[in-house]
Amino acid sequence: MLISFAFAQTAPAAAASGGDLMSTLAGMGPIVLMFVVLYFVMIRPQMKKQKEHRAMIDALAKGDEVATAGGLLGKVSKLGDAHLSLEIANGVEVQIQRSAVIQVLPKGTL
């Protein structure tokens, strides 16, 4: 019973305001514009950076000198699907995940 009174009270107000749709669309404009700017300023560059990192990891080869996220510098000695062996000193090898490599160094850096 209470709900029918509420609808009865709002029905004439909704019928009288014909420009309500335009004001709603105009109010949503800045929000849509904000999401478009957010996409081009934050999301798109991050996706591009992830794509470049994935290409770098896929292109790793034996003998490449790399830097890891943990700060290790070494030469790639063995490659696997998800892991690689990194020679950090003569006769000292550690296994790390491929995703831990953040940079391929120029040849002769180490």
PDB file of N, CA and C in Angstrom:
ATOM      1  N   MET A   1       0.830  -1.175   0.000  1.00  0.00           N
ATOM      2  CA  MET A   1       0.000   0.000   0.000  1.00  0.00           C
ATOM      3  C   MET A   1       0.884   1.253   0.000  1.00  0.00           C
ATOM      4  N   LEU A   2       1.946   1.236   0.803  1.00  0.00           N
ATOM      5  CA  LEU A   2       2.833   2.391   0.891  1.00  0.00           C
ATOM      6  C   LEU A   2       3.566   2.619  -0.425  1.00  0.00           C
ATOM      7  N   ILE A   3       3.899   1.530  -1.106  1.00  0.00           N
ATOM      8  CA  ILE A   3       4.630   1.657  -2.374  1.00  0.00           C
ATOM      9  C   ILE A   3       3.757   2.305  -3.435  1.00  0.00           C
ATOM     10  N   SER A   4       2.498   1.961  -3.486  1.00  0.00           N
ATOM     11  CA  SER A   4       1.615   2.561  -4.487  1.00  0.00           C
ATOM     12  C   SER A   4       1.474   4.065  -4.263  1.00  0.00           C
ATOM     13  N   PHE A   5       1.496   4.533  -3.000  1.00  0.00           N
ATOM     14  CA  PHE A   5       1.464   5.977  -2.724  1.00  0.00           C
ATOM     15  C   PHE A   5       2.735   6.654  -3.230  1.00  0.00           C
ATOM     16  N   ALA A   6       3.869   5.978  -3.066  1.00  0.00           N
ATOM     17  CA  ALA A   6       5.138   6.555  -3.510  1.00  0.00           C
ATOM     18  C   ALA A   6       5.152   6.696  -5.031  1.00  0.00           C
ATOM     19  N   PHE A   7       4.652   5.691  -5.745  1.00  0.00           N
ATOM     20  CA  PHE A   7       4.588   5.797  -7.198  1.00  0.00           C
ATOM     21  C   PHE A   7       3.607   6.876  -7.631  1.00  0.00           C
ATOM     22  N   ALA A   8       2.527   6.996  -6.926  1.00  0.00           N
ATOM     23  CA  ALA A   8       1.527   8.005  -7.260  1.00  0.00           C
ATOM     24  C   ALA A   8       2.086   9.411  -7.065  1.00  0.00           C
ATOM     25  N   GLN A   9       2.939   9.610  -6.091  1.00  0.00           N
ATOM     26  CA  GLN A   9       3.496  10.935  -5.838  1.00  0.00           C
ATOM     27  C   GLN A   9       4.563  11.307  -6.872  1.00  0.00           C
ATOM     28  N   THR A  10       5.298  10.331  -7.375  1.00  0.00           N
ATOM     29  CA  THR A  10       6.368  10.647  -8.320  1.00  0.00           C
ATOM     30  C   THR A  10       5.903  10.638  -9.763  1.00  0.00           C
ATOM     31  N   ALA A  11       4.788  10.067 -10.086  1.00  0.00           N
ATOM     32  CA  ALA A  11       4.322   9.974 -11.472  1.00  0.00           C
ATOM     33  C   ALA A  11       4.102  11.344 -12.109  1.00  0.00           C
ATOM     34  N   PRO A  12       3.431  12.308 -11.476  1.00  0.00           N
ATOM     35  CA  PRO A  12       3.240  13.608 -12.129  1.00  0.00           C
ATOM     36  C   PRO A  12       4.563  14.363 -12.306  1.00  0.00           C
ATOM     37  N   ALA A  13       5.482  14.215 -11.358  1.00  0.00           N
ATOM     38  CA  ALA A  13       6.756  14.918 -11.465  1.00  0.00           C
ATOM     39  C   ALA A  13       7.581  14.370 -12.625  1.00  0.00           C
ATOM     40  N   ALA A  14       7.541  13.068 -12.829  1.00  0.00           N
ATOM     41  CA  ALA A  14       8.290  12.461 -13.922  1.00  0.00           C
ATOM     42  C   ALA A  14       7.683  12.828 -15.268  1.00  0.00           C
ATOM     43  N   ALA A  15       6.378  12.921 -15.334  1.00  0.00           N
ATOM     44  CA  ALA A  15       5.713  13.266 -16.589  1.00  0.00           C
ATOM     45  C   ALA A  15       5.948  14.733 -16.951  1.00  0.00           C
ATOM     46  N   ALA A  16       6.086  15.597 -15.969  1.00  0.00           N
ATOM     47  CA  ALA A  16       6.238  17.029 -16.220  1.00  0.00           C
ATOM     48  C   ALA A  16       7.641  17.383 -16.707  1.00  0.00           C
ATOM     49  N   SER A  17       8.647  16.622 -16.300  1.00  0.00           N
ATOM     50  CA  SER A  17      10.021  16.975 -16.680  1.00  0.00           C
ATOM     51  C   SER A  17      10.421  16.200 -17.923  1.00  0.00           C
ATOM     52  N   GLY A  18      10.309  16.805 -19.080  1.00  0.00           N
ATOM     53  CA  GLY A  18      10.651  16.156 -20.342  1.00  0.00           C
ATOM     54  C   GLY A  18      12.133  16.228 -20.642  1.00  0.00           C
ATOM     55  N   GLY A  19      12.853  17.215 -20.128  1.00  0.00           N
ATOM     56  CA  GLY A  19      14.274  17.379 -20.390  1.00  0.00           C
ATOM     57  C   GLY A  19      15.139  16.616 -19.415  1.00  0.00           C
ATOM     58  N   ASP A  20      14.571  15.724 -18.668  1.00  0.00           N
ATOM     59  CA  ASP A  20      15.305  14.965 -17.654  1.00  0.00           C
ATOM     60  C   ASP A  20      16.338  14.040 -18.297  1.00  0.00           C
ATOM     61  N   LEU A  21      16.031  13.495 -19.460  1.00  0.00           N
ATOM     62  CA  LEU A  21      16.951  12.604 -20.154  1.00  0.00           C
ATOM     63  C   LEU A  21      18.207  13.345 -20.598  1.00  0.00           C
ATOM     64  N   MET A  22      18.042  14.538 -21.110  1.00  0.00           N
ATOM     65  CA  MET A  22      19.197  15.324 -21.559  1.00  0.00           C
ATOM     66  C   MET A  22      20.098  15.702 -20.392  1.00  0.00           C
ATOM     67  N   SER A  23      19.524  16.048 -19.267  1.00  0.00           N
ATOM     68  CA  SER A  23      20.348  16.408 -18.110  1.00  0.00           C
ATOM     69  C   SER A  23      21.075  15.188 -17.561  1.00  0.00           C
ATOM     70  N   THR A  24      20.466  14.016 -17.661  1.00  0.00           N
ATOM     71  CA  THR A  24      21.126  12.785 -17.222  1.00  0.00           C
ATOM     72  C   THR A  24      22.315  12.470 -18.131  1.00  0.00           C
ATOM     73  N   LEU A  25      22.128  12.603 -19.437  1.00  0.00           N
ATOM     74  CA  LEU A  25      23.215  12.356 -20.377  1.00  0.00           C
ATOM     75  C   LEU A  25      24.341  13.375 -20.204  1.00  0.00           C
ATOM     76  N   ALA A  26      23.983  14.619 -19.963  1.00  0.00           N
ATOM     77  CA  ALA A  26      24.995  15.658 -19.759  1.00  0.00           C
ATOM     78  C   ALA A  26      25.755  15.414 -18.453  1.00  0.00           C
ATOM     79  N   GLY A  27      25.100  14.865 -17.467  1.00  0.00           N
ATOM     80  CA  GLY A  27      25.752  14.555 -16.196  1.00  0.00           C
ATOM     81  C   GLY A  27      26.701  13.376 -16.312  1.00  0.00           C
ATOM     82  N   MET A  28      26.425  12.465 -17.243  1.00  0.00           N
ATOM     83  CA  MET A  28      27.284  11.296 -17.425  1.00  0.00           C
ATOM     84  C   MET A  28      28.485  11.600 -18.315  1.00  0.00           C
ATOM     85  N   GLY A  29      28.456  12.690 -19.042  1.00  0.00           N
ATOM     86  CA  GLY A  29      29.544  13.054 -19.946  1.00  0.00           C
ATOM     87  C   GLY A  29      30.897  13.151 -19.265  1.00  0.00           C
ATOM     88  N   PRO A  30      31.029  13.895 -18.164  1.00  0.00           N
ATOM     89  CA  PRO A  30      32.331  13.985 -17.501  1.00  0.00           C
ATOM     90  C   PRO A  30      32.841  12.643 -16.972  1.00  0.00           C
ATOM     91  N   ILE A  31      31.935  11.786 -16.547  1.00  0.00           N
ATOM     92  CA  ILE A  31      32.354  10.470 -16.039  1.00  0.00           C
ATOM     93  C   ILE A  31      32.906   9.624 -17.182  1.00  0.00           C
ATOM     94  N   VAL A  32      32.240   9.641 -18.330  1.00  0.00           N
ATOM     95  CA  VAL A  32      32.715   8.897 -19.494  1.00  0.00           C
ATOM     96  C   VAL A  32      34.054   9.460 -19.959  1.00  0.00           C
ATOM     97  N   LEU A  33      34.164  10.781 -19.986  1.00  0.00           N
ATOM     98  CA  LEU A  33      35.421  11.422 -20.378  1.00  0.00           C
ATOM     99  C   LEU A  33      36.550  11.039 -19.425  1.00  0.00           C
ATOM    100  N   MET A  34      36.257  10.944 -18.140  1.00  0.00           N
ATOM    101  CA  MET A  34      37.270  10.556 -17.151  1.00  0.00           C
ATOM    102  C   MET A  34      37.775   9.136 -17.420  1.00  0.00           C
ATOM    103  N   PHE A  35      36.881   8.205 -17.752  1.00  0.00           N
ATOM    104  CA  PHE A  35      37.291   6.832 -18.034  1.00  0.00           C
ATOM    105  C   PHE A  35      38.111   6.750 -19.324  1.00  0.00           C
ATOM    106  N   VAL A  36      37.789   7.555 -20.320  1.00  0.00           N
ATOM    107  CA  VAL A  36      38.554   7.565 -21.565  1.00  0.00           C
ATOM    108  C   VAL A  36      39.970   8.069 -21.301  1.00  0.00           C
ATOM    109  N   VAL A  37      40.091   9.154 -20.546  1.00  0.00           N
ATOM    110  CA  VAL A  37      41.409   9.696 -20.207  1.00  0.00           C
ATOM    111  C   VAL A  37      42.192   8.688 -19.373  1.00  0.00           C
ATOM    112  N   LEU A  38      41.546   8.042 -18.412  1.00  0.00           N
ATOM    113  CA  LEU A  38      42.189   7.038 -17.574  1.00  0.00           C
ATOM    114  C   LEU A  38      42.736   5.900 -18.422  1.00  0.00           C
ATOM    115  N   TYR A  39      41.995   5.475 -19.430  1.00  0.00           N
ATOM    116  CA  TYR A  39      42.445   4.397 -20.303  1.00  0.00           C
ATOM    117  C   TYR A  39      43.718   4.796 -21.048  1.00  0.00           C
ATOM    118  N   PHE A  40      43.715   5.990 -21.641  1.00  0.00           N
ATOM    119  CA  PHE A  40      44.862   6.400 -22.449  1.00  0.00           C
ATOM    120  C   PHE A  40      46.068   6.814 -21.611  1.00  0.00           C
ATOM    121  N   VAL A  41      45.861   7.240 -20.374  1.00  0.00           N
ATOM    122  CA  VAL A  41      46.977   7.700 -19.547  1.00  0.00           C
ATOM    123  C   VAL A  41      47.576   6.573 -18.717  1.00  0.00           C
ATOM    124  N   MET A  42      46.762   5.642 -18.250  1.00  0.00           N
ATOM    125  CA  MET A  42      47.265   4.619 -17.325  1.00  0.00           C
ATOM    126  C   MET A  42      47.205   3.197 -17.886  1.00  0.00           C
ATOM    127  N   ILE A  43      46.087   2.778 -18.375  1.00  0.00           N
ATOM    128  CA  ILE A  43      45.888   1.375 -18.723  1.00  0.00           C
ATOM    129  C   ILE A  43      46.641   0.998 -19.998  1.00  0.00           C
ATOM    130  N   ARG A  44      46.533   1.797 -21.038  1.00  0.00           N
ATOM    131  CA  ARG A  44      47.170   1.470 -22.313  1.00  0.00           C
ATOM    132  C   ARG A  44      48.702   1.420 -22.212  1.00  0.00           C
ATOM    133  N   PRO A  45      49.368   2.393 -21.565  1.00  0.00           N
ATOM    134  CA  PRO A  45      50.829   2.279 -21.433  1.00  0.00           C
ATOM    135  C   PRO A  45      51.263   1.065 -20.616  1.00  0.00           C
ATOM    136  N   GLN A  46      50.491   0.705 -19.583  1.00  0.00           N
ATOM    137  CA  GLN A  46      50.830  -0.466 -18.780  1.00  0.00           C
ATOM    138  C   GLN A  46      50.722  -1.742 -19.604  1.00  0.00           C
ATOM    139  N   MET A  47      49.710  -1.840 -20.437  1.00  0.00           N
ATOM    140  CA  MET A  47      49.559  -3.018 -21.297  1.00  0.00           C
ATOM    141  C   MET A  47      50.699  -3.093 -22.309  1.00  0.00           C
ATOM    142  N   LYS A  48      51.132  -1.948 -22.818  1.00  0.00           N
ATOM    143  CA  LYS A  48      52.244  -1.915 -23.768  1.00  0.00           C
ATOM    144  C   LYS A  48      53.541  -2.374 -23.096  1.00  0.00           C
ATOM    145  N   LYS A  49      53.744  -1.933 -21.848  1.00  0.00           N
ATOM    146  CA  LYS A  49      54.945  -2.324 -21.113  1.00  0.00           C
ATOM    147  C   LYS A  49      54.946  -3.825 -20.831  1.00  0.00           C
ATOM    148  N   GLN A  50      53.797  -4.388 -20.479  1.00  0.00           N
ATOM    149  CA  GLN A  50      53.701  -5.828 -20.239  1.00  0.00           C
ATOM    150  C   GLN A  50      53.990  -6.618 -21.518  1.00  0.00           C
ATOM    151  N   LYS A  51      53.511  -6.121 -22.644  1.00  0.00           N
ATOM    152  CA  LYS A  51      53.739  -6.798 -23.916  1.00  0.00           C
ATOM    153  C   LYS A  51      55.228  -6.793 -24.274  1.00  0.00           C
ATOM    154  N   GLU A  52      55.908  -5.669 -24.043  1.00  0.00           N
ATOM    155  CA  GLU A  52      57.342  -5.587 -24.311  1.00  0.00           C
ATOM    156  C   GLU A  52      58.136  -6.520 -23.391  1.00  0.00           C
ATOM    157  N   HIS A  53      57.730  -6.604 -22.119  1.00  0.00           N
ATOM    158  CA  HIS A  53      58.420  -7.487 -21.165  1.00  0.00           C
ATOM    159  C   HIS A  53      58.251  -8.947 -21.574  1.00  0.00           C
ATOM    160  N   ARG A  54      57.054  -9.321 -21.987  1.00  0.00           N
ATOM    161  CA  ARG A  54      56.803 -10.696 -22.426  1.00  0.00           C
ATOM    162  C   ARG A  54      57.654 -11.031 -23.653  1.00  0.00           C
ATOM    163  N   ALA A  55      57.780 -10.093 -24.592  1.00  0.00           N
ATOM    164  CA  ALA A  55      58.602 -10.318 -25.784  1.00  0.00           C
ATOM    165  C   ALA A  55      60.073 -10.472 -25.402  1.00  0.00           C
ATOM    166  N   MET A  56      60.544  -9.679 -24.432  1.00  0.00           N
ATOM    167  CA  MET A  56      61.933  -9.773 -23.987  1.00  0.00           C
ATOM    168  C   MET A  56      62.198 -11.133 -23.342  1.00  0.00           C
ATOM    169  N   ILE A  57      61.276 -11.601 -22.512  1.00  0.00           N
ATOM    170  CA  ILE A  57      61.441 -12.896 -21.839  1.00  0.00           C
ATOM    171  C   ILE A  57      61.421 -14.036 -22.858  1.00  0.00           C
ATOM    172  N   ASP A  58      60.547 -13.940 -23.848  1.00  0.00           N
ATOM    173  CA  ASP A  58      60.473 -14.990 -24.867  1.00  0.00           C
ATOM    174  C   ASP A  58      61.723 -15.019 -25.744  1.00  0.00           C
ATOM    175  N   ALA A  59      62.402 -13.877 -25.878  1.00  0.00           N
ATOM    176  CA  ALA A  59      63.575 -13.800 -26.743  1.00  0.00           C
ATOM    177  C   ALA A  59      64.884 -14.133 -26.019  1.00  0.00           C
ATOM    178  N   LEU A  60      64.829 -14.503 -24.732  1.00  0.00           N
ATOM    179  CA  LEU A  60      66.053 -14.836 -24.001  1.00  0.00           C
ATOM    180  C   LEU A  60      66.756 -16.029 -24.650  1.00  0.00           C
ATOM    181  N   ALA A  61      68.075 -15.964 -24.692  1.00  0.00           N
ATOM    182  CA  ALA A  61      68.867 -17.042 -25.273  1.00  0.00           C
ATOM    183  C   ALA A  61      70.046 -17.346 -24.362  1.00  0.00           C
ATOM    184  N   LYS A  62      70.629 -18.512 -24.545  1.00  0.00           N
ATOM    185  CA  LYS A  62      71.795 -18.916 -23.758  1.00  0.00           C
ATOM    186  C   LYS A  62      72.937 -17.941 -24.048  1.00  0.00           C
ATOM    187  N   GLY A  63      73.571 -17.460 -22.974  1.00  0.00           N
ATOM    188  CA  GLY A  63      74.675 -16.527 -23.113  1.00  0.00           C
ATOM    189  C   GLY A  63      74.283 -15.070 -22.903  1.00  0.00           C
ATOM    190  N   ASP A  64      72.984 -14.783 -22.834  1.00  0.00           N
ATOM    191  CA  ASP A  64      72.541 -13.408 -22.579  1.00  0.00           C
ATOM    192  C   ASP A  64      72.894 -12.996 -21.159  1.00  0.00           C
ATOM    193  N   GLU A  65      73.296 -11.763 -20.994  1.00  0.00           N
ATOM    194  CA  GLU A  65      73.574 -11.219 -19.666  1.00  0.00           C
ATOM    195  C   GLU A  65      72.340 -10.445 -19.221  1.00  0.00           C
ATOM    196  N   VAL A  66      71.850 -10.783 -18.015  1.00  0.00           N
ATOM    197  CA  VAL A  66      70.575 -10.228 -17.560  1.00  0.00           C
ATOM    198  C   VAL A  66      70.674  -9.690 -16.146  1.00  0.00           C
ATOM    199  N   ALA A  67      69.707  -8.848 -15.788  1.00  0.00           N
ATOM    200  CA  ALA A  67      69.514  -8.369 -14.425  1.00  0.00           C
ATOM    201  C   ALA A  67      68.147  -8.868 -13.965  1.00  0.00           C
ATOM    202  N   THR A  68      68.065  -9.308 -12.707  1.00  0.00           N
ATOM    203  CA  THR A  68      66.809  -9.837 -12.186  1.00  0.00           C
ATOM    204  C   THR A  68      66.161  -8.830 -11.254  1.00  0.00           C
ATOM    205  N   ALA A  69      64.906  -9.110 -10.891  1.00  0.00           N
ATOM    206  CA  ALA A  69      64.169  -8.247  -9.980  1.00  0.00           C
ATOM    207  C   ALA A  69      64.811  -8.244  -8.597  1.00  0.00           C
ATOM    208  N   GLY A  70      65.508  -9.300  -8.227  1.00  0.00           N
ATOM    209  CA  GLY A  70      66.169  -9.376  -6.930  1.00  0.00           C
ATOM    210  C   GLY A  70      67.535  -8.720  -6.902  1.00  0.00           C
ATOM    211  N   GLY A  71      67.994  -8.237  -8.044  1.00  0.00           N
ATOM    212  CA  GLY A  71      69.266  -7.545  -8.095  1.00  0.00           C
ATOM    213  C   GLY A  71      70.433  -8.405  -8.539  1.00  0.00           C
ATOM    214  N   LEU A  72      70.180  -9.650  -8.902  1.00  0.00           N
ATOM    215  CA  LEU A  72      71.253 -10.524  -9.381  1.00  0.00           C
ATOM    216  C   LEU A  72      71.620 -10.166 -10.818  1.00  0.00           C
ATOM    217  N   LEU A  73      72.895 -10.192 -11.094  1.00  0.00           N
ATOM    218  CA  LEU A  73      73.397 -10.019 -12.457  1.00  0.00           C
ATOM    219  C   LEU A  73      74.098 -11.299 -12.845  1.00  0.00           C
ATOM    220  N   GLY A  74      73.832 -11.790 -14.028  1.00  0.00           N
ATOM    221  CA  GLY A  74      74.479 -13.024 -14.443  1.00  0.00           C
ATOM    222  C   GLY A  74      74.243 -13.327 -15.894  1.00  0.00           C
ATOM    223  N   LYS A  75      74.778 -14.479 -16.296  1.00  0.00           N
ATOM    224  CA  LYS A  75      74.695 -14.933 -17.675  1.00  0.00           C
ATOM    225  C   LYS A  75      73.793 -16.158 -17.720  1.00  0.00           C
ATOM    226  N   VAL A  76      72.892 -16.192 -18.673  1.00  0.00           N
ATOM    227  CA  VAL A  76      71.965 -17.313 -18.825  1.00  0.00           C
ATOM    228  C   VAL A  76      72.758 -18.525 -19.304  1.00  0.00           C
ATOM    229  N   SER A  77      72.659 -19.639 -18.539  1.00  0.00           N
ATOM    230  CA  SER A  77      73.392 -20.844 -18.917  1.00  0.00           C
ATOM    231  C   SER A  77      72.470 -21.951 -19.411  1.00  0.00           C
ATOM    232  N   LYS A  78      71.242 -22.031 -18.882  1.00  0.00           N
ATOM    233  CA  LYS A  78      70.276 -23.043 -19.331  1.00  0.00           C
ATOM    234  C   LYS A  78      68.906 -22.394 -19.370  1.00  0.00           C
ATOM    235  N   LEU A  79      68.108 -22.814 -20.339  1.00  0.00           N
ATOM    236  CA  LEU A  79      66.757 -22.281 -20.488  1.00  0.00           C
ATOM    237  C   LEU A  79      65.730 -23.392 -20.339  1.00  0.00           C
ATOM    238  N   GLY A  80      64.653 -23.095 -19.645  1.00  0.00           N
ATOM    239  CA  GLY A  80      63.517 -23.994 -19.539  1.00  0.00           C
ATOM    240  C   GLY A  80      62.258 -23.235 -19.909  1.00  0.00           C
ATOM    241  N   ASP A  81      61.112 -23.889 -19.771  1.00  0.00           N
ATOM    242  CA  ASP A  81      59.853 -23.222 -20.115  1.00  0.00           C
ATOM    243  C   ASP A  81      59.530 -22.103 -19.132  1.00  0.00           C
ATOM    244  N   ALA A  82      59.618 -22.385 -17.838  1.00  0.00           N
ATOM    245  CA  ALA A  82      59.261 -21.390 -16.830  1.00  0.00           C
ATOM    246  C   ALA A  82      60.462 -20.907 -16.034  1.00  0.00           C
ATOM    247  N   HIS A  83      61.572 -21.650 -16.077  1.00  0.00           N
ATOM    248  CA  HIS A  83      62.752 -21.308 -15.285  1.00  0.00           C
ATOM    249  C   HIS A  83      63.986 -21.216 -16.176  1.00  0.00           C
ATOM    250  N   LEU A  84      65.019 -20.609 -15.648  1.00  0.00           N
ATOM    251  CA  LEU A  84      66.304 -20.578 -16.334  1.00  0.00           C
ATOM    252  C   LEU A  84      67.412 -20.629 -15.300  1.00  0.00           C
ATOM    253  N   SER A  85      68.569 -21.108 -15.713  1.00  0.00           N
ATOM    254  CA  SER A  85      69.736 -21.136 -14.839  1.00  0.00           C
ATOM    255  C   SER A  85      70.585 -19.922 -15.153  1.00  0.00           C
ATOM    256  N   LEU A  86      71.004 -19.257 -14.097  1.00  0.00           N
ATOM    257  CA  LEU A  86      71.774 -18.028 -14.224  1.00  0.00           C
ATOM    258  C   LEU A  86      73.124 -18.230 -13.572  1.00  0.00           C
ATOM    259  N   GLU A  87      74.188 -18.057 -14.321  1.00  0.00           N
ATOM    260  CA  GLU A  87      75.534 -18.186 -13.774  1.00  0.00           C
ATOM    261  C   GLU A  87      75.937 -16.823 -13.228  1.00  0.00           C
ATOM    262  N   ILE A  88      76.045 -16.734 -11.887  1.00  0.00           N
ATOM    263  CA  ILE A  88      76.348 -15.448 -11.255  1.00  0.00           C
ATOM    264  C   ILE A  88      77.825 -15.303 -10.926  1.00  0.00           C
ATOM    265  N   ALA A  89      78.567 -16.412 -10.938  1.00  0.00           N
ATOM    266  CA  ALA A  89      80.020 -16.416 -10.751  1.00  0.00           C
ATOM    267  C   ALA A  89      80.532 -17.702 -11.390  1.00  0.00           C
ATOM    268  N   ASN A  90      81.837 -17.837 -11.521  1.00  0.00           N
ATOM    269  CA  ASN A  90      82.399 -19.052 -12.118  1.00  0.00           C
ATOM    270  C   ASN A  90      82.005 -20.267 -11.293  1.00  0.00           C
ATOM    271  N   GLY A  91      81.256 -21.179 -11.889  1.00  0.00           N
ATOM    272  CA  GLY A  91      80.846 -22.404 -11.216  1.00  0.00           C
ATOM    273  C   GLY A  91      79.660 -22.237 -10.275  1.00  0.00           C
ATOM    274  N   VAL A  92      79.072 -21.048 -10.171  1.00  0.00           N
ATOM    275  CA  VAL A  92      77.918 -20.819  -9.290  1.00  0.00           C
ATOM    276  C   VAL A  92      76.703 -20.510 -10.157  1.00  0.00           C
ATOM    277  N   GLU A  93      75.722 -21.418 -10.104  1.00  0.00           N
ATOM    278  CA  GLU A  93      74.500 -21.242 -10.883  1.00  0.00           C
ATOM    279  C   GLU A  93      73.300 -21.236  -9.951  1.00  0.00           C
ATOM    280  N   VAL A  94      72.339 -20.390 -10.241  1.00  0.00           N
ATOM    281  CA  VAL A  94      71.069 -20.359  -9.515  1.00  0.00           C
ATOM    282  C   VAL A  94      69.952 -20.497 -10.528  1.00  0.00           C
ATOM    283  N   GLN A  95      68.856 -21.089 -10.057  1.00  0.00           N
ATOM    284  CA  GLN A  95      67.679 -21.198 -10.919  1.00  0.00           C
ATOM    285  C   GLN A  95      66.704 -20.108 -10.521  1.00  0.00           C
ATOM    286  N   ILE A  96      66.186 -19.408 -11.513  1.00  0.00           N
ATOM    287  CA  ILE A  96      65.202 -18.352 -11.269  1.00  0.00           C
ATOM    288  C   ILE A  96      64.046 -18.517 -12.243  1.00  0.00           C
ATOM    289  N   GLN A  97      62.946 -17.868 -11.946  1.00  0.00           N
ATOM    290  CA  GLN A  97      61.821 -17.858 -12.870  1.00  0.00           C
ATOM    291  C   GLN A  97      62.111 -16.877 -14.002  1.00  0.00           C
ATOM    292  N   ARG A  98      61.619 -17.200 -15.162  1.00  0.00           N
ATOM    293  CA  ARG A  98      61.827 -16.316 -16.308  1.00  0.00           C
ATOM    294  C   ARG A  98      61.254 -14.920 -16.048  1.00  0.00           C
ATOM    295  N   SER A  99      60.137 -14.857 -15.349  1.00  0.00           N
ATOM    296  CA  SER A  99      59.493 -13.562 -15.115  1.00  0.00           C
ATOM    297  C   SER A  99      60.299 -12.658 -14.193  1.00  0.00           C
ATOM    298  N   ALA A 100      61.308 -13.204 -13.498  1.00  0.00           N
ATOM    299  CA  ALA A 100      62.137 -12.391 -12.608  1.00  0.00           C
ATOM    300  C   ALA A 100      63.156 -11.561 -13.372  1.00  0.00           C
ATOM    301  N   VAL A 101      63.370 -11.869 -14.636  1.00  0.00           N
ATOM    302  CA  VAL A 101      64.314 -11.098 -15.455  1.00  0.00           C
ATOM    303  C   VAL A 101      63.655  -9.776 -15.814  1.00  0.00           C
ATOM    304  N   ILE A 102      64.319  -8.665 -15.471  1.00  0.00           N
ATOM    305  CA  ILE A 102      63.739  -7.359 -15.764  1.00  0.00           C
ATOM    306  C   ILE A 102      64.486  -6.619 -16.864  1.00  0.00           C
ATOM    307  N   GLN A 103      65.716  -7.055 -17.170  1.00  0.00           N
ATOM    308  CA  GLN A 103      66.479  -6.337 -18.174  1.00  0.00           C
ATOM    309  C   GLN A 103      67.531  -7.248 -18.788  1.00  0.00           C
ATOM    310  N   VAL A 104      67.694  -7.161 -20.085  1.00  0.00           N
ATOM    311  CA  VAL A 104      68.779  -7.840 -20.776  1.00  0.00           C
ATOM    312  C   VAL A 104      69.876  -6.796 -20.953  1.00  0.00           C
ATOM    313  N   LEU A 105      71.054  -7.121 -20.429  1.00  0.00           N
ATOM    314  CA  LEU A 105      72.182  -6.190 -20.468  1.00  0.00           C
ATOM    315  C   LEU A 105      72.954  -6.313 -21.767  1.00  0.00           C
ATOM    316  N   PRO A 106      73.646  -5.267 -22.196  1.00  0.00           N
ATOM    317  CA  PRO A 106      74.469  -5.376 -23.397  1.00  0.00           C
ATOM    318  C   PRO A 106      75.605  -6.389 -23.190  1.00  0.00           C
ATOM    319  N   LYS A 107      76.009  -7.034 -24.263  1.00  0.00           N
ATOM    320  CA  LYS A 107      77.090  -8.036 -24.179  1.00  0.00           C
ATOM    321  C   LYS A 107      78.364  -7.395 -23.646  1.00  0.00           C
ATOM    322  N   GLY A 108      79.050  -8.116 -22.764  1.00  0.00           N
ATOM    323  CA  GLY A 108      80.300  -7.636 -22.187  1.00  0.00           C
ATOM    324  C   GLY A 108      80.126  -6.748 -20.965  1.00  0.00           C
ATOM    325  N   THR A 109      78.924  -6.616 -20.455  1.00  0.00           N
ATOM    326  CA  THR A 109      78.703  -5.783 -19.272  1.00  0.00           C
ATOM    327  C   THR A 109      79.308  -6.425 -18.036  1.00  0.00           C
ATOM    328  N   LEU A 110      79.191  -7.734 -17.937  1.00  0.00           N
ATOM    329  CA  LEU A 110      79.676  -8.430 -16.738  1.00  0.00           C
ATOM    330  C   LEU A 110      81.146  -8.798 -16.879  1.00  0.00           C
TER     331      LEU A 110
END
